[in-house]
Amino acid sequence: MQRRSFIGMVTGLALAATSFGAAMAGNQSKMDIVDTAVGAGSFGTLVAAVQAAGLVDTLKGEGPFTVFAPTDEAFAALPDGTVEMLLMPENKDKLVAILTYHVVSGEVMAADIAGKKAMVPTVQGSEIAVDAMQGVMINDATVVAADVVASNGVIHVIDKVLIPEG
């Protein structure tokens, strides 16, 4: 039953990542990262996970933050039962680790990394590989929409959920 609810949520909230920037362009820098993600409509699973992890206040904080935000489709591509397992209260620490692995301190715009490769520390404590030599890859995820500005940072939309090693 949870799987059906999850699929229904993904189907109901799915929004093409390329339209994300256009939809939010009029609201840039007026809303924080969480409100921007909620307003986009394609991050229902991410927002639910942020709520379950108790990270809403943090991501509504002063920042600035750079968030690599997986779409609902990215979460749906995880093995069956993964999202439901992560949302269980007993798995909160693992969920926090995964979510904070998607966040970098400071505001990093696409132009800041264009033509570069780097290992970048995340809020979680591990590093992510950023390759902006041809397009932008974060580990094995592709940035599908970049530079969505919020009042406390920037969101880059990615097509996969990043999972820290270990």
Protein backbone atom coordinates (compact mmCIF):
# COMPACT_ATOMS: atom_id res chain seq x y z
CA MET A 1 0.00 0.00 0.00
CA GLN A 2 2.85 2.40 0.81
CA ARG A 3 4.35 1.67 -2.62
CA ARG A 4 1.07 2.63 -4.31
CA SER A 5 0.91 5.84 -2.28
CA PHE A 6 4.49 6.64 -3.20
CA ILE A 7 3.86 5.97 -6.91
CA GLY A 8 0.72 8.07 -6.77
CA MET A 9 2.60 10.90 -5.11
CA VAL A 10 5.37 10.73 -7.71
CA THR A 11 2.88 10.63 -10.57
CA GLY A 12 0.78 13.42 -9.11
CA LEU A 13 3.70 15.70 -8.34
CA ALA A 14 5.97 14.94 -11.30
CA LEU A 15 7.04 18.04 -13.16
CA ALA A 16 9.66 18.14 -15.89
CA ALA A 17 12.96 19.32 -14.41
CA THR A 18 13.53 21.65 -17.32
CA SER A 19 10.38 23.59 -16.46
CA PHE A 20 11.49 23.98 -12.85
CA GLY A 21 13.63 27.03 -13.49
CA ALA A 22 11.01 28.67 -15.66
CA ALA A 23 8.27 28.06 -13.13
CA MET A 24 10.31 29.54 -10.30
CA ALA A 25 11.90 32.44 -12.21
CA GLY A 26 9.35 34.95 -10.97
CA ASN A 27 9.85 33.90 -7.34
CA GLN A 28 13.65 33.79 -7.26
CA SER A 29 15.24 35.00 -4.05
CA LYS A 30 11.89 35.68 -2.37
CA MET A 31 11.50 32.12 -1.07
CA ASP A 32 13.99 29.99 0.85
CA ILE A 33 15.27 26.65 -0.43
CA VAL A 34 12.47 24.61 1.15
CA ASP A 35 9.68 26.87 -0.10
CA THR A 36 11.25 26.99 -3.56
CA ALA A 37 11.35 23.18 -3.69
CA VAL A 38 7.74 22.93 -2.48
CA GLY A 39 6.63 25.52 -5.05
CA ALA A 40 8.27 23.64 -7.91
CA GLY A 41 6.03 20.61 -7.44
CA SER A 42 8.64 18.05 -8.54
CA PHE A 43 10.31 17.51 -5.17
CA GLY A 44 7.53 16.00 -3.06
CA THR A 45 9.67 13.05 -1.98
CA LEU A 46 12.65 15.27 -1.17
CA VAL A 47 10.48 17.62 0.87
CA ALA A 48 8.89 14.67 2.73
CA ALA A 49 12.37 13.32 3.46
CA VAL A 50 13.60 16.72 4.69
CA GLN A 51 10.59 16.87 7.01
CA ALA A 52 11.12 13.31 8.29
CA ALA A 53 14.80 14.07 8.92
CA GLY A 54 14.00 17.23 10.88
CA LEU A 55 15.99 19.41 8.47
CA VAL A 56 13.31 21.92 7.47
CA ASP A 57 14.46 24.62 9.91
CA THR A 58 18.08 24.12 8.85
CA LEU A 59 17.29 24.53 5.15
CA LYS A 60 15.10 27.51 5.92
CA GLY A 61 18.03 29.02 7.84
CA GLU A 62 20.29 31.85 6.82
CA GLY A 63 22.65 29.82 4.65
CA PRO A 64 23.83 30.24 2.04
CA PHE A 65 23.49 26.64 0.89
CA THR A 66 23.92 24.88 -2.41
CA VAL A 67 21.49 21.99 -2.69
CA PHE A 68 21.71 19.27 -5.32
CA ALA A 69 18.02 18.35 -5.37
CA PRO A 70 16.91 14.96 -6.73
CA THR A 71 13.54 14.98 -8.44
CA ASP A 72 10.70 12.67 -7.50
CA GLU A 73 11.68 10.57 -10.53
CA ALA A 74 15.19 10.19 -9.09
CA PHE A 75 13.76 8.85 -5.82
CA ALA A 76 11.41 6.54 -7.74
CA ALA A 77 14.44 4.99 -9.48
CA LEU A 78 15.82 3.72 -6.15
CA PRO A 79 15.24 0.01 -5.40
CA ASP A 80 11.71 -0.87 -4.26
CA GLY A 81 11.13 -0.06 -0.60
CA THR A 82 14.19 2.17 -0.20
CA VAL A 83 12.30 5.45 0.26
CA GLU A 84 9.77 3.89 2.62
CA MET A 85 12.61 2.34 4.66
CA LEU A 86 14.48 5.66 4.87
CA LEU A 87 11.36 7.51 6.03
CA MET A 88 10.93 5.22 9.05
CA PRO A 89 11.79 6.97 12.33
CA GLU A 90 14.37 4.33 13.23
CA ASN A 91 16.34 5.21 10.06
CA LYS A 92 16.47 8.96 10.70
CA ASP A 93 20.28 9.05 11.05
CA LYS A 94 20.77 7.35 7.68
CA LEU A 95 18.22 9.69 6.08
CA VAL A 96 19.97 12.76 7.55
CA ALA A 97 23.32 11.48 6.22
CA ILE A 98 21.91 11.02 2.71
CA LEU A 99 20.15 14.38 2.63
CA THR A 100 23.09 16.37 4.01
CA TYR A 101 25.29 14.67 1.39
CA HIS A 102 23.27 16.70 -1.15
CA VAL A 103 24.15 20.03 0.53
CA VAL A 104 27.27 22.19 0.24
CA SER A 105 27.95 25.22 2.42
CA GLY A 106 27.99 28.46 0.46
CA GLU A 107 26.39 29.44 -2.80
CA VAL A 108 27.96 27.72 -5.81
CA MET A 109 26.60 28.86 -9.14
CA ALA A 110 27.12 26.98 -12.42
CA ALA A 111 29.49 29.70 -13.68
CA ASP A 112 31.68 29.17 -10.60
CA ILE A 113 32.50 25.62 -11.63
CA ALA A 114 32.22 25.72 -15.44
CA GLY A 115 35.13 23.87 -17.05
CA LYS A 116 36.41 22.49 -13.74
CA LYS A 117 36.68 19.21 -11.86
CA ALA A 118 36.83 19.15 -8.07
CA MET A 119 36.12 17.21 -4.93
CA VAL A 120 33.75 19.31 -2.82
CA PRO A 121 33.00 18.80 0.89
CA THR A 122 29.35 18.34 1.80
CA VAL A 123 27.54 19.26 5.00
CA GLN A 124 27.40 15.50 5.71
CA GLY A 125 31.21 15.44 5.94
CA SER A 126 32.10 13.42 2.83
CA GLU A 127 33.07 14.85 -0.52
CA ILE A 128 31.23 14.77 -3.82
CA ALA A 129 32.92 14.70 -7.21
CA VAL A 130 31.98 17.66 -9.38
CA ASP A 131 32.80 17.43 -13.08
CA ALA A 132 31.79 20.47 -15.12
CA MET A 133 33.98 19.81 -18.15
CA GLN A 134 31.05 18.89 -20.44
CA GLY A 135 27.76 19.61 -18.74
CA VAL A 136 27.77 19.07 -14.98
CA MET A 137 27.97 15.76 -13.16
CA ILE A 138 27.76 15.37 -9.38
CA ASN A 139 29.18 11.90 -8.72
CA ASP A 140 27.12 9.90 -11.23
CA ALA A 141 24.13 12.28 -11.28
CA THR A 142 23.56 14.80 -14.05
CA VAL A 143 22.55 18.38 -13.28
CA VAL A 144 19.39 18.85 -15.37
CA ALA A 145 18.57 22.40 -14.24
CA ALA A 146 21.01 24.80 -12.62
CA ASP A 147 21.10 28.07 -10.71
CA VAL A 148 17.61 28.16 -9.23
CA VAL A 149 18.16 31.01 -6.79
CA ALA A 150 16.47 31.05 -3.39
CA SER A 151 16.73 33.63 -0.62
CA ASN A 152 19.26 31.48 1.27
CA GLY A 153 21.17 29.79 -1.52
CA VAL A 154 20.83 27.97 -4.81
CA ILE A 155 19.32 24.71 -6.04
CA HIS A 156 20.71 22.56 -8.83
CA VAL A 157 18.29 19.83 -9.96
CA ILE A 158 19.83 16.36 -10.37
CA ASP A 159 18.52 13.15 -11.92
CA LYS A 160 19.76 10.67 -9.27
CA VAL A 161 19.82 10.40 -5.50
CA LEU A 162 23.38 10.68 -4.17
CA ILE A 163 24.27 7.98 -1.64
CA PRO A 164 27.38 8.53 0.50
CA GLU A 165 29.80 5.63 0.76
CA GLY A 166 29.93 3.76 4.04
